[in-house]
Amino acid sequence: MNDDEITRRLTDIFRSVFNQPGLEIARETTADTVRGWDSLKHVELMVSIEAGFGIRFKVVEIGRLRNVGDLIDKIRGKVA
């Protein structure tokens, strides 16, 4: 799975979790740039990503994510 495919799937998940049909994400996207991205939504987002990609994150992995680019890289490593 390449970065474009991961980004497309992530975009759908983000739009669903944040209930924002027009939401666009980029590698630089952070919690500060998405309306409504608080700690509770972060948990919901990560659970939805795990389910959507059929992967599991360790707590330490989640704590190291700084932006969507880091998330894409981590997903790519897990689905390879």
N, C-alpha and C. Protein backbone atom coordinates (compact mmCIF):
# COMPACT_ATOMS: atom_id res chain seq x y z
N MET A 1 0.85 -1.17 0.00
CA MET A 1 0.00 0.00 0.00
C MET A 1 0.90 1.24 0.00
N ASN A 2 0.63 2.16 -0.92
CA ASN A 2 1.48 3.35 -0.99
C ASN A 2 0.86 4.51 -0.19
N ASP A 3 1.62 5.59 -0.09
CA ASP A 3 1.18 6.73 0.72
C ASP A 3 -0.13 7.34 0.24
N ASP A 4 -0.34 7.40 -1.07
CA ASP A 4 -1.59 7.96 -1.59
C ASP A 4 -2.79 7.12 -1.17
N GLU A 5 -2.66 5.81 -1.24
CA GLU A 5 -3.76 4.92 -0.82
C GLU A 5 -4.04 5.07 0.67
N ILE A 6 -2.97 5.12 1.46
CA ILE A 6 -3.13 5.29 2.90
C ILE A 6 -3.80 6.62 3.20
N THR A 7 -3.36 7.68 2.53
CA THR A 7 -3.93 9.01 2.76
C THR A 7 -5.41 9.05 2.39
N ARG A 8 -5.78 8.42 1.29
CA ARG A 8 -7.20 8.38 0.90
C ARG A 8 -8.04 7.69 1.97
N ARG A 9 -7.56 6.55 2.44
CA ARG A 9 -8.31 5.82 3.48
C ARG A 9 -8.35 6.60 4.78
N LEU A 10 -7.22 7.20 5.14
CA LEU A 10 -7.18 8.02 6.35
C LEU A 10 -8.14 9.21 6.25
N THR A 11 -8.20 9.83 5.09
CA THR A 11 -9.09 10.97 4.90
C THR A 11 -10.53 10.56 5.17
N ASP A 12 -10.94 9.42 4.67
CA ASP A 12 -12.30 8.93 4.92
C ASP A 12 -12.54 8.71 6.42
N ILE A 13 -11.55 8.15 7.10
CA ILE A 13 -11.67 7.91 8.54
C ILE A 13 -11.75 9.23 9.29
N PHE A 14 -10.87 10.17 8.98
CA PHE A 14 -10.89 11.48 9.62
C PHE A 14 -12.24 12.17 9.40
N ARG A 15 -12.74 12.14 8.18
CA ARG A 15 -14.02 12.79 7.88
C ARG A 15 -15.15 12.18 8.71
N SER A 16 -15.13 10.88 8.86
CA SER A 16 -16.15 10.20 9.64
C SER A 16 -16.03 10.52 11.14
N VAL A 17 -14.83 10.39 11.68
CA VAL A 17 -14.63 10.61 13.12
C VAL A 17 -14.96 12.04 13.51
N PHE A 18 -14.52 13.00 12.69
CA PHE A 18 -14.73 14.41 13.03
C PHE A 18 -16.00 14.98 12.43
N ASN A 19 -16.77 14.14 11.72
CA ASN A 19 -18.03 14.54 11.11
C ASN A 19 -17.85 15.81 10.27
N GLN A 20 -16.81 15.78 9.43
CA GLN A 20 -16.49 16.91 8.56
C GLN A 20 -16.28 16.36 7.14
N PRO A 21 -17.35 16.28 6.34
CA PRO A 21 -17.27 15.67 5.01
C PRO A 21 -16.23 16.30 4.08
N GLY A 22 -15.91 17.56 4.27
CA GLY A 22 -14.96 18.23 3.39
C GLY A 22 -13.55 18.29 3.94
N LEU A 23 -13.29 17.63 5.05
CA LEU A 23 -11.98 17.70 5.70
C LEU A 23 -10.90 17.13 4.78
N GLU A 24 -9.83 17.89 4.63
CA GLU A 24 -8.67 17.43 3.88
C GLU A 24 -7.50 17.32 4.85
N ILE A 25 -6.71 16.27 4.72
CA ILE A 25 -5.54 16.09 5.57
C ILE A 25 -4.29 16.07 4.70
N ALA A 26 -3.17 16.41 5.31
CA ALA A 26 -1.87 16.38 4.65
C ALA A 26 -0.87 15.84 5.66
N ARG A 27 0.33 15.58 5.20
CA ARG A 27 1.36 15.05 6.10
C ARG A 27 1.59 15.99 7.29
N GLU A 28 1.40 17.28 7.09
CA GLU A 28 1.67 18.27 8.13
C GLU A 28 0.50 18.46 9.10
N THR A 29 -0.63 17.83 8.83
CA THR A 29 -1.82 17.99 9.67
C THR A 29 -1.53 17.51 11.10
N THR A 30 -1.97 18.32 12.08
CA THR A 30 -1.84 17.97 13.49
C THR A 30 -3.17 18.20 14.18
N ALA A 31 -3.23 17.81 15.45
CA ALA A 31 -4.45 18.02 16.24
C ALA A 31 -4.80 19.51 16.32
N ASP A 32 -3.81 20.36 16.27
CA ASP A 32 -4.05 21.81 16.35
C ASP A 32 -4.72 22.36 15.10
N THR A 33 -4.66 21.62 13.99
CA THR A 33 -5.21 22.13 12.74
C THR A 33 -6.55 21.51 12.35
N VAL A 34 -7.07 20.61 13.19
CA VAL A 34 -8.36 19.98 12.90
C VAL A 34 -9.34 20.35 14.01
N ARG A 35 -10.41 21.00 13.62
CA ARG A 35 -11.44 21.41 14.58
C ARG A 35 -12.02 20.18 15.29
N GLY A 36 -12.02 20.23 16.62
CA GLY A 36 -12.62 19.16 17.41
C GLY A 36 -11.69 18.03 17.79
N TRP A 37 -10.42 18.11 17.40
CA TRP A 37 -9.48 17.04 17.71
C TRP A 37 -8.95 17.23 19.12
N ASP A 38 -9.64 16.60 20.06
CA ASP A 38 -9.22 16.64 21.46
C ASP A 38 -8.81 15.22 21.87
N SER A 39 -8.55 15.03 23.14
CA SER A 39 -8.03 13.73 23.59
C SER A 39 -9.05 12.60 23.38
N LEU A 40 -10.32 12.88 23.58
CA LEU A 40 -11.33 11.84 23.37
C LEU A 40 -11.46 11.48 21.90
N LYS A 41 -11.45 12.49 21.05
CA LYS A 41 -11.51 12.22 19.60
C LYS A 41 -10.26 11.51 19.13
N HIS A 42 -9.14 11.78 19.78
CA HIS A 42 -7.89 11.11 19.41
C HIS A 42 -8.01 9.61 19.64
N VAL A 43 -8.59 9.23 20.77
CA VAL A 43 -8.79 7.80 21.05
C VAL A 43 -9.73 7.20 20.02
N GLU A 44 -10.83 7.87 19.74
CA GLU A 44 -11.78 7.38 18.74
C GLU A 44 -11.10 7.26 17.37
N LEU A 45 -10.29 8.26 17.02
CA LEU A 45 -9.58 8.24 15.75
C LEU A 45 -8.64 7.04 15.65
N MET A 46 -7.86 6.81 16.68
CA MET A 46 -6.89 5.72 16.64
C MET A 46 -7.59 4.36 16.57
N VAL A 47 -8.68 4.20 17.31
CA VAL A 47 -9.44 2.95 17.25
C VAL A 47 -10.02 2.75 15.85
N SER A 48 -10.51 3.82 15.25
CA SER A 48 -11.08 3.73 13.89
C SER A 48 -10.00 3.41 12.87
N ILE A 49 -8.81 3.98 13.04
CA ILE A 49 -7.70 3.68 12.13
C ILE A 49 -7.28 2.23 12.27
N GLU A 50 -7.16 1.75 13.50
CA GLU A 50 -6.80 0.35 13.71
C GLU A 50 -7.81 -0.57 13.03
N ALA A 51 -9.09 -0.29 13.21
CA ALA A 51 -10.13 -1.12 12.60
C ALA A 51 -10.11 -1.00 11.08
N GLY A 52 -9.94 0.21 10.59
CA GLY A 52 -9.96 0.44 9.15
C GLY A 52 -8.81 -0.19 8.39
N PHE A 53 -7.66 -0.29 9.04
CA PHE A 53 -6.49 -0.86 8.39
C PHE A 53 -6.16 -2.27 8.88
N GLY A 54 -6.89 -2.75 9.88
CA GLY A 54 -6.63 -4.08 10.41
C GLY A 54 -5.27 -4.19 11.08
N ILE A 55 -4.91 -3.14 11.82
CA ILE A 55 -3.61 -3.09 12.50
C ILE A 55 -3.83 -2.73 13.96
N ARG A 56 -2.75 -2.83 14.75
CA ARG A 56 -2.79 -2.43 16.16
C ARG A 56 -1.58 -1.56 16.44
N PHE A 57 -1.78 -0.51 17.22
CA PHE A 57 -0.70 0.36 17.65
C PHE A 57 -0.39 0.08 19.11
N LYS A 58 0.88 0.17 19.47
CA LYS A 58 1.28 0.15 20.87
C LYS A 58 1.12 1.57 21.39
N VAL A 59 0.89 1.71 22.69
CA VAL A 59 0.71 3.03 23.29
C VAL A 59 1.92 3.91 23.01
N VAL A 60 3.11 3.36 23.11
CA VAL A 60 4.33 4.13 22.88
C VAL A 60 4.39 4.63 21.43
N GLU A 61 3.90 3.86 20.48
CA GLU A 61 3.88 4.29 19.08
C GLU A 61 2.96 5.49 18.90
N ILE A 62 1.80 5.43 19.52
CA ILE A 62 0.85 6.53 19.42
C ILE A 62 1.44 7.80 20.03
N GLY A 63 2.13 7.65 21.15
CA GLY A 63 2.73 8.80 21.82
C GLY A 63 3.81 9.48 21.02
N ARG A 64 4.41 8.76 20.09
CA ARG A 64 5.50 9.32 19.28
C ARG A 64 5.01 10.01 18.01
N LEU A 65 3.73 9.86 17.68
CA LEU A 65 3.19 10.47 16.47
C LEU A 65 3.07 11.98 16.65
N ARG A 66 3.64 12.75 15.73
CA ARG A 66 3.61 14.21 15.82
C ARG A 66 2.70 14.86 14.79
N ASN A 67 2.40 14.13 13.71
CA ASN A 67 1.54 14.66 12.66
C ASN A 67 1.02 13.51 11.81
N VAL A 68 0.20 13.81 10.84
CA VAL A 68 -0.37 12.78 9.98
C VAL A 68 0.72 12.07 9.18
N GLY A 69 1.78 12.78 8.83
CA GLY A 69 2.89 12.15 8.12
C GLY A 69 3.50 11.01 8.91
N ASP A 70 3.71 11.23 10.21
CA ASP A 70 4.21 10.16 11.07
C ASP A 70 3.23 8.99 11.09
N LEU A 71 1.95 9.30 11.13
CA LEU A 71 0.91 8.27 11.14
C LEU A 71 0.94 7.46 9.85
N ILE A 72 1.05 8.14 8.72
CA ILE A 72 1.13 7.45 7.43
C ILE A 72 2.33 6.51 7.40
N ASP A 73 3.47 7.00 7.85
CA ASP A 73 4.68 6.18 7.87
C ASP A 73 4.50 4.94 8.75
N LYS A 74 3.88 5.12 9.90
CA LYS A 74 3.66 4.00 10.83
C LYS A 74 2.70 2.99 10.22
N ILE A 75 1.64 3.47 9.61
CA ILE A 75 0.67 2.56 8.96
C ILE A 75 1.35 1.79 7.84
N ARG A 76 2.11 2.48 7.00
CA ARG A 76 2.81 1.83 5.89
C ARG A 76 3.68 0.68 6.40
N GLY A 77 4.38 0.91 7.50
CA GLY A 77 5.23 -0.12 8.09
C GLY A 77 4.46 -1.32 8.60
N LYS A 78 3.24 -1.08 9.05
CA LYS A 78 2.44 -2.17 9.62
C LYS A 78 1.68 -2.96 8.57
N VAL A 79 1.36 -2.35 7.44
CA VAL A 79 0.60 -3.06 6.41
C VAL A 79 1.50 -3.67 5.34
N ALA A 80 2.78 -3.41 5.45
CA ALA A 80 3.72 -3.91 4.42
C ALA A 80 3.88 -5.42 4.53
